[in-house]
Amino acid sequence: MIATHHMTMQLEAGGQTVTILEDVTVQIPEKQTVAIVGPSGSGKSTLLGLIAGLDRPTSGTIWLNGVEITALGEKAMARLRLANVGYIFQSFHLIPTLTALENVSIPLELAGDRHARQRADELLRAVGLGHRVSHYPVQLSGGEQQRVAVARAFACRPPILLADEPTGNLDSSTGQQVIELIMALHRDAGTTLVLVTHDQQLAASMERVITIRDGKIASDQFTALQQSESAHQL
């Protein structure tokens, strides 16, 4: 489960305090798919980064799978993130001097997996890049780089997957392929999926949509998909 309690994030800029997020309280249960939407600058990506433990809030608490991450030191947070969170960046964030295989192997090697290269190779094949394992990021298209980033995010089989505008730098056709890939891997692994997006169609394909406006939760609604699944279960 993901939970934030009365979380506020402020930054100092030009001698003034700027509030990025204000009093955000939200709970996301296991295996749910959630879209975070809202205008540019509303705090969506900041919220995702805080959930991932990439930054710390000014006040309030964040919990991941029963652990209050706001109380953890840097090393403990890094260990928990490695075991629990996969993160897909909009700009891929691949290491340019490493091959696709080496980029996907990194989290596995950090986790002490003795079969890191084999697992990385299997993941790259699963995302349709078995023929590109020895290529460097500069030799890959944008869609291929994002596929490598998806494989890396799933490498350690994390229970939580966070994606920040995963199709933002891709054309519509390639973006759709990446989303289909993420959803397939999500279903296979049973992950909790939270993504930031401007794509209303993509948001509607999630079970729940949280709208952020001016740093606050403006609405939190289940989609027709979730309502249909709930009715089917009854």
Protein backbone atom coordinates (compact mmCIF):
# COMPACT_ATOMS: atom_id res chain seq x y z
CA MET A 1 0.00 0.00 0.00
CA ILE A 2 0.99 3.62 -0.62
CA ALA A 3 -0.19 6.27 1.83
CA THR A 4 0.53 9.95 2.36
CA HIS A 5 -0.78 11.81 5.41
CA HIS A 6 -1.14 15.62 5.42
CA MET A 7 1.92 15.93 3.21
CA THR A 8 3.18 19.38 2.27
CA MET A 9 6.15 20.25 0.07
CA GLN A 10 7.62 23.75 0.05
CA LEU A 11 10.70 25.24 -1.59
CA GLU A 12 12.55 28.51 -1.13
CA ALA A 13 12.82 30.58 -4.30
CA GLY A 14 13.91 34.21 -4.58
CA GLY A 15 13.59 34.71 -0.84
CA GLN A 16 10.01 33.45 -0.85
CA THR A 17 8.44 30.18 0.21
CA VAL A 18 6.71 28.42 -2.67
CA THR A 19 4.19 25.69 -1.82
CA ILE A 20 4.34 22.85 -4.37
CA LEU A 21 1.99 20.46 -2.56
CA GLU A 22 -0.31 21.26 0.34
CA ASP A 23 -1.90 18.86 2.84
CA VAL A 24 -2.04 15.88 0.47
CA THR A 25 -3.59 12.77 2.02
CA VAL A 26 -4.14 9.75 -0.21
CA GLN A 27 -4.17 5.95 0.09
CA ILE A 28 -3.53 3.56 -2.79
CA PRO A 29 -4.10 -0.16 -2.11
CA GLU A 30 -2.07 -3.01 -3.53
CA LYS A 31 -2.40 -3.79 -7.26
CA GLN A 32 -4.53 -0.73 -8.04
CA THR A 33 -3.83 1.29 -11.19
CA VAL A 34 -3.91 5.05 -10.64
CA ALA A 35 -3.43 8.04 -12.93
CA ILE A 36 -2.35 11.39 -11.50
CA VAL A 37 -3.50 14.23 -13.77
CA GLY A 38 -3.63 18.00 -13.69
CA PRO A 39 -2.22 21.14 -15.32
CA SER A 40 1.51 21.61 -15.83
CA GLY A 41 3.13 22.85 -12.64
CA SER A 42 0.35 21.53 -10.41
CA GLY A 43 2.68 19.23 -8.43
CA LYS A 44 2.04 15.87 -10.11
CA SER A 45 5.66 14.87 -10.68
CA THR A 46 6.66 16.20 -7.27
CA LEU A 47 4.05 13.93 -5.67
CA LEU A 48 5.35 10.91 -7.59
CA GLY A 49 8.95 11.66 -6.64
CA LEU A 50 8.02 11.99 -2.98
CA ILE A 51 6.19 8.65 -3.05
CA ALA A 52 9.34 7.10 -4.51
CA GLY A 53 11.49 8.58 -1.75
CA LEU A 54 13.48 10.64 -4.25
CA ASP A 55 12.80 13.72 -2.11
CA ARG A 56 11.45 14.46 1.34
CA PRO A 57 8.33 16.48 2.16
CA THR A 58 8.47 19.61 4.27
CA SER A 59 5.87 18.10 6.58
CA GLY A 60 3.60 15.06 6.78
CA THR A 61 4.39 11.38 6.34
CA ILE A 62 4.66 8.84 3.51
CA TRP A 63 4.23 5.09 3.93
CA LEU A 64 5.23 2.32 1.52
CA ASN A 65 4.16 -1.23 2.33
CA GLY A 66 3.85 -0.45 6.02
CA VAL A 67 7.14 1.46 6.33
CA GLU A 68 7.22 5.19 7.06
CA ILE A 69 9.83 6.25 4.53
CA THR A 70 9.97 9.83 5.81
CA ALA A 71 11.66 8.45 8.94
CA LEU A 72 14.38 6.58 7.03
CA GLY A 73 17.98 7.62 6.46
CA GLU A 74 19.41 7.79 2.94
CA LYS A 75 20.92 4.28 2.92
CA ALA A 76 17.82 2.64 4.37
CA MET A 77 15.65 4.53 1.88
CA ALA A 78 17.83 3.38 -1.02
CA ARG A 79 17.54 -0.25 0.11
CA LEU A 80 13.76 -0.02 0.51
CA ARG A 81 13.38 1.68 -2.87
CA LEU A 82 15.49 -0.96 -4.59
CA ALA A 83 13.29 -3.74 -3.22
CA ASN A 84 9.91 -2.05 -3.52
CA VAL A 85 9.81 0.61 -6.23
CA GLY A 86 10.34 0.60 -9.98
CA TYR A 87 10.48 4.11 -11.50
CA ILE A 88 10.05 5.02 -15.18
CA PHE A 89 11.25 8.52 -16.08
CA GLN A 90 9.86 10.56 -18.95
CA SER A 91 13.40 11.20 -20.26
CA PHE A 92 14.44 7.52 -19.86
CA HIS A 93 17.52 8.27 -17.66
CA LEU A 94 19.57 5.45 -19.15
CA ILE A 95 23.32 5.49 -18.52
CA PRO A 96 24.80 6.40 -21.94
CA THR A 97 28.06 4.49 -21.47
CA LEU A 98 26.29 1.20 -20.72
CA THR A 99 24.54 -1.16 -23.13
CA ALA A 100 20.86 -1.98 -22.86
CA LEU A 101 21.74 -5.21 -21.07
CA GLU A 102 24.02 -3.41 -18.62
CA ASN A 103 21.41 -0.72 -17.90
CA VAL A 104 18.82 -3.34 -16.98
CA SER A 105 21.36 -5.36 -14.99
CA ILE A 106 22.25 -2.51 -12.62
CA PRO A 107 19.37 -2.82 -10.11
CA LEU A 108 19.73 -6.60 -10.14
CA GLU A 109 23.45 -6.40 -9.40
CA LEU A 110 22.80 -3.89 -6.61
CA ALA A 111 20.28 -6.35 -5.16
CA GLY A 112 22.92 -9.09 -5.23
CA ASP A 113 21.26 -11.21 -7.91
CA ARG A 114 23.86 -13.73 -9.11
CA HIS A 115 21.93 -14.19 -12.33
CA ALA A 116 21.59 -10.48 -13.10
CA ARG A 117 22.72 -10.72 -16.73
CA GLN A 118 20.43 -13.65 -17.46
CA ARG A 119 17.43 -11.92 -15.87
CA ALA A 120 18.22 -8.69 -17.76
CA ASP A 121 18.44 -10.60 -21.02
CA GLU A 122 15.06 -12.26 -20.35
CA LEU A 123 13.47 -8.89 -19.60
CA LEU A 124 14.82 -7.30 -22.75
CA ARG A 125 13.46 -10.19 -24.76
CA ALA A 126 10.12 -9.77 -23.01
CA VAL A 127 9.94 -6.12 -24.13
CA GLY A 128 10.91 -7.05 -27.70
CA LEU A 129 14.56 -6.00 -27.56
CA GLY A 130 16.33 -9.33 -27.55
CA HIS A 131 18.19 -8.23 -30.68
CA ARG A 132 19.35 -4.95 -29.10
CA VAL A 133 20.95 -6.11 -25.84
CA SER A 134 24.45 -4.98 -26.82
CA HIS A 135 23.37 -1.58 -28.18
CA TYR A 136 24.04 1.69 -26.36
CA PRO A 137 21.22 4.22 -25.71
CA VAL A 138 22.41 6.50 -28.52
CA GLN A 139 21.93 3.59 -30.94
CA LEU A 140 18.30 3.09 -29.87
CA SER A 141 15.16 4.97 -30.88
CA GLY A 142 13.14 6.84 -28.26
CA GLY A 143 10.63 4.00 -28.06
CA GLU A 144 13.41 1.44 -27.66
CA GLN A 145 15.06 3.49 -24.92
CA GLN A 146 11.76 3.67 -23.05
CA ARG A 147 11.37 -0.10 -23.42
CA VAL A 148 14.80 -0.53 -21.83
CA ALA A 149 13.69 1.82 -19.03
CA VAL A 150 10.53 -0.27 -18.53
CA ALA A 151 12.58 -3.47 -18.35
CA ARG A 152 14.91 -1.84 -15.81
CA ALA A 153 11.96 -0.68 -13.68
CA PHE A 154 10.59 -4.24 -13.52
CA ALA A 155 14.00 -5.87 -13.04
CA CYS A 156 13.73 -6.55 -9.30
CA ARG A 157 10.03 -7.46 -9.51
CA PRO A 158 8.98 -4.45 -7.41
CA PRO A 159 5.49 -4.45 -5.88
CA ILE A 160 5.14 -0.74 -6.78
CA LEU A 161 5.69 0.78 -10.23
CA LEU A 162 5.75 4.57 -10.67
CA ALA A 163 5.85 6.19 -14.11
CA ASP A 164 6.28 9.91 -14.79
CA GLU A 165 4.79 10.79 -18.20
CA PRO A 166 6.08 7.50 -19.69
CA THR A 167 4.85 8.45 -23.18
CA GLY A 168 5.63 12.17 -22.99
CA ASN A 169 8.66 11.99 -25.31
CA LEU A 170 7.18 9.48 -27.75
CA ASP A 171 4.92 9.70 -30.78
CA SER A 172 1.36 8.45 -30.27
CA SER A 173 1.88 5.05 -31.90
CA THR A 174 5.09 4.27 -30.01
CA GLY A 175 3.57 5.63 -26.81
CA GLN A 176 0.62 3.29 -27.13
CA GLN A 177 2.97 0.34 -27.56
CA VAL A 178 4.88 1.32 -24.42
CA ILE A 179 1.67 1.66 -22.39
CA GLU A 180 0.45 -1.75 -23.59
CA LEU A 181 3.80 -3.18 -22.51
CA ILE A 182 3.61 -1.55 -19.07
CA MET A 183 0.05 -2.80 -18.56
CA ALA A 184 0.97 -6.34 -19.63
CA LEU A 185 3.90 -6.45 -17.23
CA HIS A 186 1.71 -4.93 -14.49
CA ARG A 187 -0.90 -7.68 -14.94
CA ASP A 188 1.72 -10.42 -14.99
CA ALA A 189 3.55 -9.15 -11.90
CA GLY A 190 0.52 -7.86 -9.95
CA THR A 191 2.15 -4.51 -9.24
CA THR A 192 0.58 -1.36 -7.91
CA LEU A 193 0.81 1.10 -10.82
CA VAL A 194 0.79 4.88 -10.39
CA LEU A 195 1.49 7.09 -13.38
CA VAL A 196 1.52 10.80 -14.11
CA THR A 197 0.02 11.72 -17.46
CA HIS A 198 -1.57 14.49 -19.51
CA ASP A 199 -3.25 11.88 -21.71
CA GLN A 200 -6.92 11.72 -20.73
CA GLN A 201 -7.47 8.51 -22.67
CA LEU A 202 -4.62 6.84 -20.83
CA ALA A 203 -5.93 8.14 -17.51
CA ALA A 204 -9.35 6.68 -18.25
CA SER A 205 -7.77 3.26 -18.76
CA MET A 206 -6.64 3.24 -15.11
CA GLU A 207 -8.92 2.18 -12.27
CA ARG A 208 -8.67 5.52 -10.50
CA VAL A 209 -7.86 9.12 -11.42
CA ILE A 210 -6.47 11.64 -8.93
CA THR A 211 -6.52 15.25 -10.13
CA ILE A 212 -3.98 17.68 -8.69
CA ARG A 213 -4.59 21.41 -9.03
CA ASP A 214 -2.52 24.16 -7.38
CA GLY A 215 -0.78 21.58 -5.22
CA LYS A 216 -3.96 20.13 -3.77
CA ILE A 217 -6.13 17.10 -4.57
CA ALA A 218 -9.00 18.57 -6.57
CA SER A 219 -10.74 15.23 -7.15
CA ASP A 220 -10.20 11.52 -6.56
CA GLN A 221 -12.49 9.30 -8.60
CA PHE A 222 -12.86 5.71 -9.72
CA THR A 223 -13.16 5.28 -13.46
CA ALA A 224 -15.77 3.38 -15.42
CA LEU A 225 -13.22 0.55 -15.67
CA GLN A 226 -13.03 0.13 -11.90
CA GLN A 227 -16.80 0.40 -11.51
CA SER A 228 -17.29 -2.24 -14.20
CA GLU A 229 -14.80 -4.60 -12.52
CA SER A 230 -16.44 -4.08 -9.12
CA ALA A 231 -19.87 -4.86 -10.59
CA HIS A 232 -18.47 -7.97 -12.25
CA GLN A 233 -17.05 -9.22 -8.95
CA LEU A 234 -20.48 -8.82 -7.34
